[in-house]
N, C-alpha and C. Protein backbone atom coordinates (compact mmCIF):
# COMPACT_ATOMS: atom_id res chain seq x y z
N MET A 1 90.86 19.97 65.14
CA MET A 1 90.80 19.05 64.36
C MET A 1 90.55 17.86 65.35
N GLN A 2 89.55 16.99 64.60
CA GLN A 2 88.74 15.50 65.57
C GLN A 2 89.52 14.73 64.86
N LEU A 3 90.01 13.80 66.05
CA LEU A 3 90.83 12.60 65.74
C LEU A 3 90.02 11.69 65.95
N PRO A 4 90.42 10.47 64.56
CA PRO A 4 89.40 9.24 64.74
C PRO A 4 89.56 8.79 65.80
N GLU A 5 88.29 7.87 66.48
CA GLU A 5 88.00 7.20 68.01
C GLU A 5 88.94 6.33 68.22
N GLY A 6 89.23 6.40 69.41
CA GLY A 6 90.75 5.50 69.60
C GLY A 6 92.42 5.82 69.34
N VAL A 7 92.74 7.04 68.60
CA VAL A 7 93.80 7.48 67.89
C VAL A 7 93.86 8.76 69.46
N LYS A 8 94.96 8.51 70.23
CA LYS A 8 95.54 9.24 71.56
C LYS A 8 95.65 10.60 70.97
N GLN A 9 95.57 11.99 71.52
CA GLN A 9 95.89 12.94 71.37
C GLN A 9 97.37 13.21 71.43
N PRO A 10 97.83 13.95 70.60
CA PRO A 10 99.40 14.02 70.87
C PRO A 10 99.80 14.73 72.16
N ARG A 11 100.60 14.36 72.57
CA ARG A 11 101.23 15.25 73.86
C ARG A 11 101.95 16.09 73.25
N ARG A 12 101.95 17.71 73.80
CA ARG A 12 102.43 19.08 73.84
C ARG A 12 102.83 19.39 75.02
N THR A 13 103.61 19.07 75.53
CA THR A 13 104.06 19.67 76.82
C THR A 13 104.51 20.85 76.39
N ASP A 14 104.11 22.28 77.09
CA ASP A 14 104.40 23.46 76.92
C ASP A 14 105.29 23.68 78.29
N ASN A 15 106.62 23.72 78.35
CA ASN A 15 107.63 23.98 79.15
C ASN A 15 107.47 25.36 80.02
N THR A 16 106.98 26.53 79.33
CA THR A 16 107.10 27.84 79.77
C THR A 16 105.77 27.28 80.83
N LEU A 17 104.96 26.76 81.02
CA LEU A 17 104.23 26.05 81.77
C LEU A 17 104.42 25.27 83.26
N VAL A 18 105.31 24.40 82.53
CA VAL A 18 106.03 23.32 83.60
C VAL A 18 106.61 24.22 84.47
N LYS A 19 107.46 24.81 83.77
CA LYS A 19 108.64 25.72 84.44
C LYS A 19 107.86 26.67 85.27
N ALA A 20 106.74 27.18 85.17
CA ALA A 20 106.06 28.24 85.94
C ALA A 20 105.15 27.36 87.20
N LEU A 21 104.91 25.93 87.34
CA LEU A 21 104.50 25.33 87.57
C LEU A 21 105.36 24.93 88.92
N ALA A 22 106.66 24.55 88.50
CA ALA A 22 107.82 24.12 89.19
C ALA A 22 108.22 25.26 89.88
N ARG A 23 108.30 26.32 89.80
CA ARG A 23 108.93 27.58 90.56
C ARG A 23 107.82 27.47 91.71
N ALA A 24 106.66 27.57 91.13
CA ALA A 24 105.40 28.25 91.98
C ALA A 24 105.78 27.08 93.60
N PHE A 25 105.47 25.90 93.13
CA PHE A 25 105.54 24.80 93.98
C PHE A 25 106.90 24.60 94.77
N ARG A 26 108.15 25.21 93.78
CA ARG A 26 109.50 25.67 94.82
C ARG A 26 109.26 26.63 96.14
N TRP A 27 108.27 27.58 95.49
CA TRP A 27 108.71 29.01 96.40
C TRP A 27 107.84 28.40 97.38
N LYS A 28 106.70 27.86 96.87
CA LYS A 28 105.87 27.70 98.09
C LYS A 28 106.25 26.76 99.61
N GLN A 29 107.35 25.75 99.13
CA GLN A 29 108.04 24.78 100.16
C GLN A 29 108.84 25.76 100.55
N LEU A 30 109.83 26.87 100.00
CA LEU A 30 110.19 27.69 100.67
C LEU A 30 109.70 28.33 101.71
N LEU A 31 108.53 29.09 101.56
CA LEU A 31 107.72 29.57 102.30
C LEU A 31 107.66 29.02 103.28
N GLU A 32 106.58 27.88 102.81
CA GLU A 32 105.90 26.96 104.36
C GLU A 32 107.16 26.31 104.56
N SER A 33 108.43 26.06 104.59
CA SER A 33 109.51 25.64 105.64
C SER A 33 110.00 26.70 106.35
N GLY A 34 109.68 27.97 106.46
CA GLY A 34 110.28 29.19 107.45
C GLY A 34 111.81 29.55 106.33
N GLU A 35 112.11 29.12 105.53
CA GLU A 35 113.32 29.80 104.85
C GLU A 35 113.26 31.18 104.66
N PHE A 36 112.07 31.29 104.21
CA PHE A 36 111.80 32.51 103.33
C PHE A 36 110.14 33.19 104.69
N ILE A 37 110.40 34.23 105.38
CA ILE A 37 108.96 34.58 106.33
C ILE A 37 108.20 35.37 104.92
N THR A 38 108.45 36.30 104.39
CA THR A 38 107.50 36.69 103.25
C THR A 38 108.01 36.25 101.81
N VAL A 39 107.02 37.02 101.03
CA VAL A 39 106.99 36.79 99.81
C VAL A 39 107.87 38.08 99.65
N ALA A 40 107.56 38.71 99.81
CA ALA A 40 108.56 39.95 99.70
C ALA A 40 110.05 39.54 99.56
N GLU A 41 110.01 39.03 100.92
CA GLU A 41 111.73 38.26 100.80
C GLU A 41 112.22 37.65 100.01
N LEU A 42 111.23 36.70 99.76
CA LEU A 42 111.60 35.60 98.89
C LEU A 42 111.84 36.03 97.62
N ALA A 43 110.91 37.08 97.08
CA ALA A 43 111.10 38.05 95.72
C ALA A 43 112.14 38.67 95.49
N GLU A 44 113.02 39.16 96.43
CA GLU A 44 113.93 40.13 96.24
C GLU A 44 115.24 39.23 96.25
N HIS A 45 115.14 37.97 96.83
CA HIS A 45 116.22 37.07 96.86
C HIS A 45 116.18 36.31 95.62
N GLU A 46 115.09 35.94 94.74
CA GLU A 46 114.91 35.57 93.27
C GLU A 46 115.00 37.05 92.30
N GLY A 47 114.71 38.14 92.85
CA GLY A 47 114.98 38.99 91.59
C GLY A 47 113.99 39.38 90.85
N ILE A 48 113.05 39.18 91.49
CA ILE A 48 111.64 39.59 90.60
C ILE A 48 110.71 40.16 91.35
N ALA A 49 109.81 40.74 90.96
CA ALA A 49 108.47 41.67 91.53
C ALA A 49 107.47 40.59 92.52
N PRO A 50 107.11 41.16 93.75
CA PRO A 50 106.32 40.42 94.81
C PRO A 50 105.29 40.48 93.85
N SER A 51 104.54 41.27 92.96
CA SER A 51 103.33 41.23 92.15
C SER A 51 103.28 39.96 91.40
N TYR A 52 104.55 39.53 90.53
CA TYR A 52 104.84 38.17 89.67
C TYR A 52 104.86 36.96 90.65
N MET A 53 105.37 37.20 91.69
CA MET A 53 105.69 35.86 92.36
C MET A 53 104.09 35.43 92.75
N THR A 54 103.74 36.41 93.47
CA THR A 54 102.32 36.00 94.20
C THR A 54 101.11 35.32 93.11
N ARG A 55 101.72 36.20 91.44
CA ARG A 55 100.67 35.94 90.78
C ARG A 55 101.00 34.09 90.16
N VAL A 56 102.08 33.91 90.44
CA VAL A 56 102.58 32.37 89.83
C VAL A 56 102.50 31.67 91.39
N LEU A 57 102.51 32.00 92.38
CA LEU A 57 102.40 30.98 93.52
C LEU A 57 101.06 30.99 93.31
N ARG A 58 99.80 31.22 92.96
CA ARG A 58 98.79 30.67 92.41
C ARG A 58 98.37 29.39 92.06
N LEU A 59 99.37 29.45 91.03
CA LEU A 59 99.24 28.01 90.38
C LEU A 59 99.33 27.05 91.48
N THR A 60 99.51 27.03 92.94
CA THR A 60 99.49 26.00 93.56
C THR A 60 98.38 25.52 93.72
N LEU A 61 97.04 26.12 93.33
CA LEU A 61 95.80 26.20 93.99
C LEU A 61 95.07 25.50 92.60
N LEU A 62 95.52 25.49 91.48
CA LEU A 62 95.20 24.78 90.35
C LEU A 62 94.82 23.08 90.88
N ALA A 63 93.64 22.78 90.83
CA ALA A 63 92.94 21.48 90.76
C ALA A 63 94.14 20.41 90.21
N PRO A 64 94.44 19.65 90.57
CA PRO A 64 95.17 18.22 90.45
C PRO A 64 94.70 18.44 88.82
N ASP A 65 93.33 17.77 88.32
CA ASP A 65 93.44 17.29 87.03
C ASP A 65 94.25 18.31 86.00
N ILE A 66 94.11 19.56 86.27
CA ILE A 66 94.92 20.91 85.66
C ILE A 66 96.38 20.57 85.53
N VAL A 67 96.97 20.33 86.53
CA VAL A 67 98.43 20.35 86.66
C VAL A 67 99.05 19.14 86.40
N GLU A 68 97.65 18.02 85.97
CA GLU A 68 98.33 16.76 85.82
C GLU A 68 98.25 17.02 84.11
N ALA A 69 97.54 17.37 84.04
CA ALA A 69 97.52 17.65 81.91
C ALA A 69 98.05 18.70 81.81
N ILE A 70 98.67 19.54 82.28
CA ILE A 70 99.77 20.42 82.09
C ILE A 70 100.97 19.61 82.05
N LEU A 71 101.49 19.10 83.03
CA LEU A 71 102.97 18.06 83.14
C LEU A 71 102.91 17.22 82.18
N GLY A 72 101.73 16.46 81.72
CA GLY A 72 101.66 15.51 80.98
C GLY A 72 101.20 16.12 79.33
N GLY A 73 101.39 17.11 79.08
CA GLY A 73 101.32 17.59 78.11
C GLY A 73 99.90 17.63 77.06
N THR A 74 98.74 17.42 78.00
CA THR A 74 97.84 17.03 77.28
C THR A 74 96.42 18.21 77.74
N GLN A 75 96.93 19.39 78.27
CA GLN A 75 96.07 20.42 78.44
C GLN A 75 95.76 20.88 76.61
N GLY A 76 94.71 21.71 76.41
CA GLY A 76 94.45 22.11 75.04
C GLY A 76 95.72 23.60 74.76
N PRO A 77 95.59 23.90 73.61
CA PRO A 77 96.19 24.67 73.02
C PRO A 77 96.03 26.34 73.76
N GLU A 78 94.97 26.51 73.98
CA GLU A 78 94.52 27.32 74.62
C GLU A 78 94.83 28.00 75.89
N MET A 79 95.55 26.86 76.53
CA MET A 79 95.94 27.20 77.91
C MET A 79 97.40 27.70 77.96
N THR A 80 97.75 29.00 78.36
CA THR A 80 99.21 29.33 78.11
C THR A 80 99.07 29.91 79.71
N LEU A 81 100.22 30.70 79.55
CA LEU A 81 100.93 30.79 80.97
C LEU A 81 100.27 32.44 81.22
N ALA A 82 99.90 33.00 80.03
CA ALA A 82 99.02 34.24 80.71
C ALA A 82 97.42 34.36 80.93
N LEU A 83 97.04 32.66 80.55
CA LEU A 83 95.64 32.22 80.77
C LEU A 83 95.76 31.83 82.47
N VAL A 84 96.71 31.04 82.86
CA VAL A 84 96.67 30.45 83.90
C VAL A 84 97.27 31.87 85.05
N LEU A 85 97.82 32.84 84.71
CA LEU A 85 98.08 33.94 85.80
C LEU A 85 96.88 34.71 86.41
N ASP A 86 96.37 34.43 84.81
CA ASP A 86 94.87 35.29 85.00
C ASP A 86 94.06 34.87 86.64
N PRO A 87 93.43 35.81 87.30
CA PRO A 87 92.83 35.27 88.71
C PRO A 87 91.62 34.00 88.47
N PHE A 88 91.48 33.01 88.93
CA PHE A 88 91.01 31.98 88.31
C PHE A 88 89.94 31.79 89.99
N PRO A 89 88.88 30.81 89.77
CA PRO A 89 88.08 30.36 90.85
C PRO A 89 89.14 29.43 91.76
N VAL A 90 88.70 29.29 93.00
CA VAL A 90 89.76 28.65 94.02
C VAL A 90 88.56 27.43 93.83
N GLN A 91 87.71 26.86 93.66
CA GLN A 91 87.01 25.62 93.75
C GLN A 91 87.24 25.10 92.64
N TRP A 92 88.20 23.42 92.42
CA TRP A 92 88.85 22.90 91.24
C TRP A 92 87.76 22.36 90.41
N GLU A 93 86.38 22.53 90.79
CA GLU A 93 85.73 21.87 89.88
C GLU A 93 84.90 23.24 89.07
N MET A 94 85.11 24.29 89.66
CA MET A 94 84.92 25.32 88.31
C MET A 94 86.05 25.84 87.82
N GLN A 95 87.53 25.45 88.28
CA GLN A 95 88.47 25.56 87.20
C GLN A 95 88.82 24.62 86.23
N VAL A 96 88.16 23.51 86.69
CA VAL A 96 88.10 22.58 85.18
C VAL A 96 86.96 22.78 84.14
N VAL A 97 85.76 23.70 84.70
CA VAL A 97 84.91 23.84 83.82
C VAL A 97 85.49 24.99 83.18
N LEU A 98 85.79 25.99 83.82
CA LEU A 98 86.79 27.26 83.05
C LEU A 98 87.84 27.15 81.73
N CYS A 99 88.62 25.87 82.27
CA CYS A 99 89.89 25.45 81.71
C CYS A 99 89.48 24.50 80.60
N CYS A 100 88.13 24.89 79.77
CA CYS A 100 87.98 23.22 78.36
C CYS A 100 89.11 22.97 78.19
N GLY A 101 90.41 23.44 77.81
CA GLY A 101 91.28 22.85 77.18
C GLY A 101 91.86 21.51 77.85
N VAL A 102 91.44 21.56 79.23
CA VAL A 102 92.12 20.03 79.88
C VAL A 102 91.01 19.05 79.53
N ARG A 103 91.71 17.67 78.95
CA ARG A 103 91.39 16.97 78.78
C ARG A 103 91.52 15.23 79.67
N ARG A 104 90.81 15.05 80.33
CA ARG A 104 90.81 14.11 80.97
C ARG A 104 91.15 12.94 80.62
N ALA A 105 92.28 12.23 81.61
CA ALA A 105 92.73 11.09 80.89
C ALA A 105 91.69 10.11 81.25
N LYS A 106 91.76 8.97 79.79
CA LYS A 106 90.51 8.07 79.69
C LYS A 106 91.42 6.17 80.58
C-alpha cells in the first residue's frame, strides 16, 4: 500500500526481533567481558543450543540502519526473525540492499 506523500508509515515494532537483538547484544557483552569463555559455555548456562546462539549472535553484525529500523518499528513486513537468522553479508551496505524492507528515516 502506498501512502500519500508526507504521511508517515505507521510503526510496527516486532517484539520477536527486538527481543532477539537484545539477547544477541547481551550475550556478546557476556562473552566480551569474560564472564563466559565460550559460546558453548554460555549456551549451556542459558539452556539453549550453541548453534542457535551463534545464529542469534550474528545479529550484532547487522548494519546500524537495520538495527535502528527494527528497534523503531520501521522495518518492512518481510523482515522476520527467520530472515535475519539466515546468513547475511558482513558488509553493511550489502545488508541494507538485501533487506529491502528497511526504510531510511528522513
